[in-house]
Amino acid sequence: ARTRRAATMMSMEAAKAKAKEQIEAQLGEQAPRPLKMLFPCCGGPVKTMETCMCAVPADQQDQVKKAIEKYKST
């Protein structure tokens, strides 16, 4: 029973990690070109986009905010 539970926990963690990677990739693609240069300084696409939300086009801000919230909740 312990082995199954451990395997389930590991698969859940792997699924969370994969979801976070997908969100990072999505935000990395959506980011305006000038923001991409800041990824290494700000801690990656998610933190950069959150910090520099004013540089994200207005029509994309809601979508970006939802992705960031999903990233944080996983």
PDB file of N, CA and C in Angstrom:
ATOM      1  N   ALA A   1       0.823  -1.188   0.000  1.00  0.00           N
ATOM      2  CA  ALA A   1       0.000   0.000   0.000  1.00  0.00           C
ATOM      3  C   ALA A   1       0.869   1.254   0.000  1.00  0.00           C
ATOM      4  N   ARG A   2       1.969   1.195   0.756  1.00  0.00           N
ATOM      5  CA  ARG A   2       2.852   2.360   0.803  1.00  0.00           C
ATOM      6  C   ARG A   2       3.497   2.629  -0.546  1.00  0.00           C
ATOM      7  N   THR A   3       3.876   1.567  -1.229  1.00  0.00           N
ATOM      8  CA  THR A   3       4.532   1.727  -2.519  1.00  0.00           C
ATOM      9  C   THR A   3       3.576   2.365  -3.520  1.00  0.00           C
ATOM     10  N   ARG A   4       2.332   1.929  -3.521  1.00  0.00           N
ATOM     11  CA  ARG A   4       1.348   2.516  -4.431  1.00  0.00           C
ATOM     12  C   ARG A   4       1.118   3.989  -4.110  1.00  0.00           C
ATOM     13  N   ARG A   5       1.015   4.276  -2.822  1.00  0.00           N
ATOM     14  CA  ARG A   5       0.788   5.661  -2.414  1.00  0.00           C
ATOM     15  C   ARG A   5       1.980   6.535  -2.815  1.00  0.00           C
ATOM     16  N   ALA A   6       3.183   6.026  -2.619  1.00  0.00           N
ATOM     17  CA  ALA A   6       4.381   6.775  -3.001  1.00  0.00           C
ATOM     18  C   ALA A   6       4.421   6.981  -4.515  1.00  0.00           C
ATOM     19  N   ALA A   7       4.057   5.945  -5.262  1.00  0.00           N
ATOM     20  CA  ALA A   7       4.039   6.059  -6.720  1.00  0.00           C
ATOM     21  C   ALA A   7       2.998   7.069  -7.174  1.00  0.00           C
ATOM     22  N   THR A   8       1.846   7.071  -6.513  1.00  0.00           N
ATOM     23  CA  THR A   8       0.796   8.030  -6.847  1.00  0.00           C
ATOM     24  C   THR A   8       1.251   9.450  -6.556  1.00  0.00           C
ATOM     25  N   MET A   9       1.892   9.639  -5.409  1.00  0.00           N
ATOM     26  CA  MET A   9       2.392  10.965  -5.044  1.00  0.00           C
ATOM     27  C   MET A   9       3.443  11.430  -6.042  1.00  0.00           C
ATOM     28  N   MET A  10       4.324  10.531  -6.459  1.00  0.00           N
ATOM     29  CA  MET A  10       5.364  10.887  -7.420  1.00  0.00           C
ATOM     30  C   MET A  10       4.745  11.253  -8.763  1.00  0.00           C
ATOM     31  N   SER A  11       3.717  10.524  -9.181  1.00  0.00           N
ATOM     32  CA  SER A  11       3.086  10.832 -10.463  1.00  0.00           C
ATOM     33  C   SER A  11       2.329  12.150 -10.390  1.00  0.00           C
ATOM     34  N   MET A  12       1.760  12.464  -9.224  1.00  0.00           N
ATOM     35  CA  MET A  12       1.080  13.742  -9.060  1.00  0.00           C
ATOM     36  C   MET A  12       2.081  14.893  -9.120  1.00  0.00           C
ATOM     37  N   GLU A  13       3.227  14.709  -8.488  1.00  0.00           N
ATOM     38  CA  GLU A  13       4.262  15.739  -8.530  1.00  0.00           C
ATOM     39  C   GLU A  13       4.789  15.912  -9.954  1.00  0.00           C
ATOM     40  N   ALA A  14       4.932  14.814 -10.666  1.00  0.00           N
ATOM     41  CA  ALA A  14       5.394  14.883 -12.054  1.00  0.00           C
ATOM     42  C   ALA A  14       4.372  15.618 -12.918  1.00  0.00           C
ATOM     43  N   ALA A  15       3.091  15.377 -12.673  1.00  0.00           N
ATOM     44  CA  ALA A  15       2.041  16.064 -13.428  1.00  0.00           C
ATOM     45  C   ALA A  15       2.052  17.561 -13.134  1.00  0.00           C
ATOM     46  N   LYS A  16       2.267  17.927 -11.865  1.00  0.00           N
ATOM     47  CA  LYS A  16       2.345  19.341 -11.503  1.00  0.00           C
ATOM     48  C   LYS A  16       3.542  20.003 -12.178  1.00  0.00           C
ATOM     49  N   ALA A  17       4.674  19.307 -12.158  1.00  0.00           N
ATOM     50  CA  ALA A  17       5.877  19.861 -12.785  1.00  0.00           C
ATOM     51  C   ALA A  17       5.666  20.046 -14.285  1.00  0.00           C
ATOM     52  N   LYS A  18       5.012  19.081 -14.917  1.00  0.00           N
ATOM     53  CA  LYS A  18       4.756  19.188 -16.354  1.00  0.00           C
ATOM     54  C   LYS A  18       3.807  20.346 -16.648  1.00  0.00           C
ATOM     55  N   ALA A  19       2.790  20.530 -15.811  1.00  0.00           N
ATOM     56  CA  ALA A  19       1.849  21.636 -15.997  1.00  0.00           C
ATOM     57  C   ALA A  19       2.567  22.971 -15.870  1.00  0.00           C
ATOM     58  N   LYS A  20       3.459  23.078 -14.884  1.00  0.00           N
ATOM     59  CA  LYS A  20       4.212  24.317 -14.708  1.00  0.00           C
ATOM     60  C   LYS A  20       5.117  24.584 -15.907  1.00  0.00           C
ATOM     61  N   GLU A  21       5.753  23.542 -16.418  1.00  0.00           N
ATOM     62  CA  GLU A  21       6.611  23.695 -17.601  1.00  0.00           C
ATOM     63  C   GLU A  21       5.802  24.181 -18.803  1.00  0.00           C
ATOM     64  N   GLN A  22       4.588  23.647 -18.964  1.00  0.00           N
ATOM     65  CA  GLN A  22       3.744  24.057 -20.080  1.00  0.00           C
ATOM     66  C   GLN A  22       3.345  25.525 -19.960  1.00  0.00           C
ATOM     67  N   ILE A  23       3.032  25.959 -18.749  1.00  0.00           N
ATOM     68  CA  ILE A  23       2.663  27.363 -18.543  1.00  0.00           C
ATOM     69  C   ILE A  23       3.858  28.264 -18.807  1.00  0.00           C
ATOM     70  N   GLU A  24       5.041  27.846 -18.322  1.00  0.00           N
ATOM     71  CA  GLU A  24       6.250  28.632 -18.586  1.00  0.00           C
ATOM     72  C   GLU A  24       6.504  28.749 -20.089  1.00  0.00           C
ATOM     73  N   ALA A  25       6.338  27.654 -20.799  1.00  0.00           N
ATOM     74  CA  ALA A  25       6.546  27.677 -22.252  1.00  0.00           C
ATOM     75  C   ALA A  25       5.522  28.582 -22.934  1.00  0.00           C
ATOM     76  N   GLN A  26       4.277  28.488 -22.500  1.00  0.00           N
ATOM     77  CA  GLN A  26       3.206  29.318 -23.082  1.00  0.00           C
ATOM     78  C   GLN A  26       3.497  30.798 -22.863  1.00  0.00           C
ATOM     79  N   LEU A  27       3.846  31.164 -21.635  1.00  0.00           N
ATOM     80  CA  LEU A  27       4.138  32.565 -21.347  1.00  0.00           C
ATOM     81  C   LEU A  27       5.412  33.026 -22.044  1.00  0.00           C
ATOM     82  N   GLY A  28       6.364  32.117 -22.181  1.00  0.00           N
ATOM     83  CA  GLY A  28       7.593  32.451 -22.896  1.00  0.00           C
ATOM     84  C   GLY A  28       7.331  32.794 -24.349  1.00  0.00           C
ATOM     85  N   GLU A  29       6.381  32.089 -24.955  1.00  0.00           N
ATOM     86  CA  GLU A  29       6.024  32.359 -26.352  1.00  0.00           C
ATOM     87  C   GLU A  29       5.201  33.641 -26.480  1.00  0.00           C
ATOM     88  N   GLN A  30       4.345  33.914 -25.498  1.00  0.00           N
ATOM     89  CA  GLN A  30       3.465  35.079 -25.555  1.00  0.00           C
ATOM     90  C   GLN A  30       4.167  36.379 -25.192  1.00  0.00           C
ATOM     91  N   ALA A  31       5.284  36.285 -24.518  1.00  0.00           N
ATOM     92  CA  ALA A  31       5.949  37.487 -24.005  1.00  0.00           C
ATOM     93  C   ALA A  31       6.402  38.401 -25.139  1.00  0.00           C
ATOM     94  N   PRO A  32       6.208  39.687 -24.948  1.00  0.00           N
ATOM     95  CA  PRO A  32       6.745  40.642 -25.929  1.00  0.00           C
ATOM     96  C   PRO A  32       8.275  40.502 -25.988  1.00  0.00           C
ATOM     97  N   ARG A  33       8.823  40.721 -27.148  1.00  0.00           N
ATOM     98  CA  ARG A  33      10.252  40.510 -27.367  1.00  0.00           C
ATOM     99  C   ARG A  33      11.145  41.205 -26.317  1.00  0.00           C
ATOM    100  N   PRO A  34      10.890  42.464 -25.955  1.00  0.00           N
ATOM    101  CA  PRO A  34      11.769  43.100 -24.959  1.00  0.00           C
ATOM    102  C   PRO A  34      11.765  42.402 -23.596  1.00  0.00           C
ATOM    103  N   LEU A  35      10.649  41.786 -23.241  1.00  0.00           N
ATOM    104  CA  LEU A  35      10.580  41.104 -21.946  1.00  0.00           C
ATOM    105  C   LEU A  35      11.384  39.815 -21.926  1.00  0.00           C
ATOM    106  N   LYS A  36      11.539  39.187 -23.071  1.00  0.00           N
ATOM    107  CA  LYS A  36      12.267  37.925 -23.130  1.00  0.00           C
ATOM    108  C   LYS A  36      13.706  38.085 -22.660  1.00  0.00           C
ATOM    109  N   MET A  37      14.263  39.262 -22.865  1.00  0.00           N
ATOM    110  CA  MET A  37      15.637  39.510 -22.416  1.00  0.00           C
ATOM    111  C   MET A  37      15.732  39.510 -20.890  1.00  0.00           C
ATOM    112  N   LEU A  38      14.618  39.767 -20.219  1.00  0.00           N
ATOM    113  CA  LEU A  38      14.620  39.863 -18.763  1.00  0.00           C
ATOM    114  C   LEU A  38      14.382  38.525 -18.056  1.00  0.00           C
ATOM    115  N   PHE A  39      14.078  37.480 -18.784  1.00  0.00           N
ATOM    116  CA  PHE A  39      13.784  36.190 -18.159  1.00  0.00           C
ATOM    117  C   PHE A  39      14.880  35.747 -17.179  1.00  0.00           C
ATOM    118  N   PRO A  40      16.161  35.787 -17.579  1.00  0.00           N
ATOM    119  CA  PRO A  40      17.192  35.336 -16.637  1.00  0.00           C
ATOM    120  C   PRO A  40      17.294  36.225 -15.395  1.00  0.00           C
ATOM    121  N   CYS A  41      17.030  37.495 -15.536  1.00  0.00           N
ATOM    122  CA  CYS A  41      17.150  38.434 -14.413  1.00  0.00           C
ATOM    123  C   CYS A  41      15.981  38.321 -13.438  1.00  0.00           C
ATOM    124  N   CYS A  42      14.811  38.043 -13.945  1.00  0.00           N
ATOM    125  CA  CYS A  42      13.596  38.065 -13.122  1.00  0.00           C
ATOM    126  C   CYS A  42      13.139  36.686 -12.671  1.00  0.00           C
ATOM    127  N   GLY A  43      13.808  35.640 -13.080  1.00  0.00           N
ATOM    128  CA  GLY A  43      13.429  34.314 -12.619  1.00  0.00           C
ATOM    129  C   GLY A  43      12.548  33.537 -13.571  1.00  0.00           C
ATOM    130  N   GLY A  44      12.622  33.827 -14.848  1.00  0.00           N
ATOM    131  CA  GLY A  44      11.865  33.061 -15.830  1.00  0.00           C
ATOM    132  C   GLY A  44      10.655  33.806 -16.356  1.00  0.00           C
ATOM    133  N   PRO A  45       9.951  33.174 -17.285  1.00  0.00           N
ATOM    134  CA  PRO A  45       8.828  33.827 -17.951  1.00  0.00           C
ATOM    135  C   PRO A  45       7.690  34.229 -17.007  1.00  0.00           C
ATOM    136  N   VAL A  46       7.377  33.388 -16.048  1.00  0.00           N
ATOM    137  CA  VAL A  46       6.223  33.661 -15.185  1.00  0.00           C
ATOM    138  C   VAL A  46       6.477  34.896 -14.327  1.00  0.00           C
ATOM    139  N   LYS A  47       7.595  34.921 -13.634  1.00  0.00           N
ATOM    140  CA  LYS A  47       7.893  36.060 -12.759  1.00  0.00           C
ATOM    141  C   LYS A  47       8.125  37.331 -13.564  1.00  0.00           C
ATOM    142  N   THR A  48       8.737  37.207 -14.728  1.00  0.00           N
ATOM    143  CA  THR A  48       8.968  38.385 -15.564  1.00  0.00           C
ATOM    144  C   THR A  48       7.645  38.980 -16.023  1.00  0.00           C
ATOM    145  N   MET A  49       6.760  38.138 -16.505  1.00  0.00           N
ATOM    146  CA  MET A  49       5.474  38.629 -16.998  1.00  0.00           C
ATOM    147  C   MET A  49       4.648  39.221 -15.862  1.00  0.00           C
ATOM    148  N   GLU A  50       4.740  38.624 -14.684  1.00  0.00           N
ATOM    149  CA  GLU A  50       4.003  39.147 -13.538  1.00  0.00           C
ATOM    150  C   GLU A  50       4.560  40.511 -13.116  1.00  0.00           C
ATOM    151  N   THR A  51       5.881  40.628 -13.091  1.00  0.00           N
ATOM    152  CA  THR A  51       6.527  41.865 -12.685  1.00  0.00           C
ATOM    153  C   THR A  51       6.304  42.985 -13.697  1.00  0.00           C
ATOM    154  N   CYS A  52       6.339  42.643 -14.973  1.00  0.00           N
ATOM    155  CA  CYS A  52       6.262  43.643 -16.041  1.00  0.00           C
ATOM    156  C   CYS A  52       4.926  43.583 -16.771  1.00  0.00           C
ATOM    157  N   MET A  53       3.850  43.395 -16.034  1.00  0.00           N
ATOM    158  CA  MET A  53       2.522  43.263 -16.643  1.00  0.00           C
ATOM    159  C   MET A  53       2.173  44.481 -17.495  1.00  0.00           C
ATOM    160  N   CYS A  54       2.712  45.640 -17.150  1.00  0.00           N
ATOM    161  CA  CYS A  54       2.396  46.847 -17.911  1.00  0.00           C
ATOM    162  C   CYS A  54       2.933  46.779 -19.344  1.00  0.00           C
ATOM    163  N   ALA A  55       3.910  45.905 -19.591  1.00  0.00           N
ATOM    164  CA  ALA A  55       4.470  45.768 -20.936  1.00  0.00           C
ATOM    165  C   ALA A  55       3.722  44.737 -21.777  1.00  0.00           C
ATOM    166  N   VAL A  56       2.807  44.010 -21.145  1.00  0.00           N
ATOM    167  CA  VAL A  56       2.011  43.009 -21.860  1.00  0.00           C
ATOM    168  C   VAL A  56       0.861  43.745 -22.545  1.00  0.00           C
ATOM    169  N   PRO A  57       0.609  43.459 -23.822  1.00  0.00           N
ATOM    170  CA  PRO A  57      -0.509  44.115 -24.514  1.00  0.00           C
ATOM    171  C   PRO A  57      -1.823  43.932 -23.751  1.00  0.00           C
ATOM    172  N   ALA A  58      -2.636  44.964 -23.733  1.00  0.00           N
ATOM    173  CA  ALA A  58      -3.881  44.964 -22.954  1.00  0.00           C
ATOM    174  C   ALA A  58      -4.801  43.797 -23.302  1.00  0.00           C
ATOM    175  N   ASP A  59      -4.842  43.402 -24.561  1.00  0.00           N
ATOM    176  CA  ASP A  59      -5.733  42.307 -24.961  1.00  0.00           C
ATOM    177  C   ASP A  59      -5.243  40.943 -24.497  1.00  0.00           C
ATOM    178  N   GLN A  60      -3.999  40.853 -24.039  1.00  0.00           N
ATOM    179  CA  GLN A  60      -3.444  39.582 -23.558  1.00  0.00           C
ATOM    180  C   GLN A  60      -3.333  39.520 -22.038  1.00  0.00           C
ATOM    181  N   GLN A  61      -3.541  40.636 -21.348  1.00  0.00           N
ATOM    182  CA  GLN A  61      -3.302  40.675 -19.908  1.00  0.00           C
ATOM    183  C   GLN A  61      -4.180  39.713 -19.118  1.00  0.00           C
ATOM    184  N   ASP A  62      -5.451  39.607 -19.461  1.00  0.00           N
ATOM    185  CA  ASP A  62      -6.328  38.684 -18.727  1.00  0.00           C
ATOM    186  C   ASP A  62      -5.860  37.247 -18.869  1.00  0.00           C
ATOM    187  N   GLN A  63      -5.505  36.866 -20.075  1.00  0.00           N
ATOM    188  CA  GLN A  63      -5.031  35.508 -20.327  1.00  0.00           C
ATOM    189  C   GLN A  63      -3.734  35.237 -19.567  1.00  0.00           C
ATOM    190  N   VAL A  64      -2.831  36.207 -19.550  1.00  0.00           N
ATOM    191  CA  VAL A  64      -1.560  36.057 -18.847  1.00  0.00           C
ATOM    192  C   VAL A  64      -1.800  35.955 -17.343  1.00  0.00           C
ATOM    193  N   LYS A  65      -2.691  36.771 -16.813  1.00  0.00           N
ATOM    194  CA  LYS A  65      -3.002  36.728 -15.383  1.00  0.00           C
ATOM    195  C   LYS A  65      -3.574  35.377 -14.984  1.00  0.00           C
ATOM    196  N   LYS A  66      -4.451  34.836 -15.814  1.00  0.00           N
ATOM    197  CA  LYS A  66      -5.030  33.512 -15.531  1.00  0.00           C
ATOM    198  C   LYS A  66      -3.956  32.437 -15.535  1.00  0.00           C
ATOM    199  N   ALA A  67      -3.033  32.502 -16.489  1.00  0.00           N
ATOM    200  CA  ALA A  67      -1.942  31.520 -16.561  1.00  0.00           C
ATOM    201  C   ALA A  67      -1.033  31.626 -15.343  1.00  0.00           C
ATOM    202  N   ILE A  68      -0.764  32.839 -14.897  1.00  0.00           N
ATOM    203  CA  ILE A  68       0.080  33.025 -13.715  1.00  0.00           C
ATOM    204  C   ILE A  68      -0.610  32.457 -12.475  1.00  0.00           C
ATOM    205  N   GLU A  69      -1.896  32.709 -12.332  1.00  0.00           N
ATOM    206  CA  GLU A  69      -2.644  32.169 -11.185  1.00  0.00           C
ATOM    207  C   GLU A  69      -2.645  30.640 -11.212  1.00  0.00           C
ATOM    208  N   LYS A  70      -2.835  30.075 -12.392  1.00  0.00           N
ATOM    209  CA  LYS A  70      -2.813  28.615 -12.523  1.00  0.00           C
ATOM    210  C   LYS A  70      -1.433  28.071 -12.154  1.00  0.00           C
ATOM    211  N   TYR A  71      -0.390  28.776 -12.580  1.00  0.00           N
ATOM    212  CA  TYR A  71       0.986  28.375 -12.266  1.00  0.00           C
ATOM    213  C   TYR A  71       1.210  28.377 -10.752  1.00  0.00           C
ATOM    214  N   LYS A  72       0.740  29.420 -10.088  1.00  0.00           N
ATOM    215  CA  LYS A  72       0.934  29.530  -8.653  1.00  0.00           C
ATOM    216  C   LYS A  72       0.130  28.501  -7.879  1.00  0.00           C
ATOM    217  N   SER A  73      -1.032  28.118  -8.391  1.00  0.00           N
ATOM    218  CA  SER A  73      -1.875  27.161  -7.672  1.00  0.00           C
ATOM    219  C   SER A  73      -1.448  25.709  -7.869  1.00  0.00           C
ATOM    220  N   THR A  74      -0.550  25.475  -8.830  1.00  0.00           N
ATOM    221  CA  THR A  74      -0.080  24.099  -9.031  1.00  0.00           C
ATOM    222  C   THR A  74       1.130  23.784  -8.224  1.00  0.00           C
TER     223      THR A  74
END
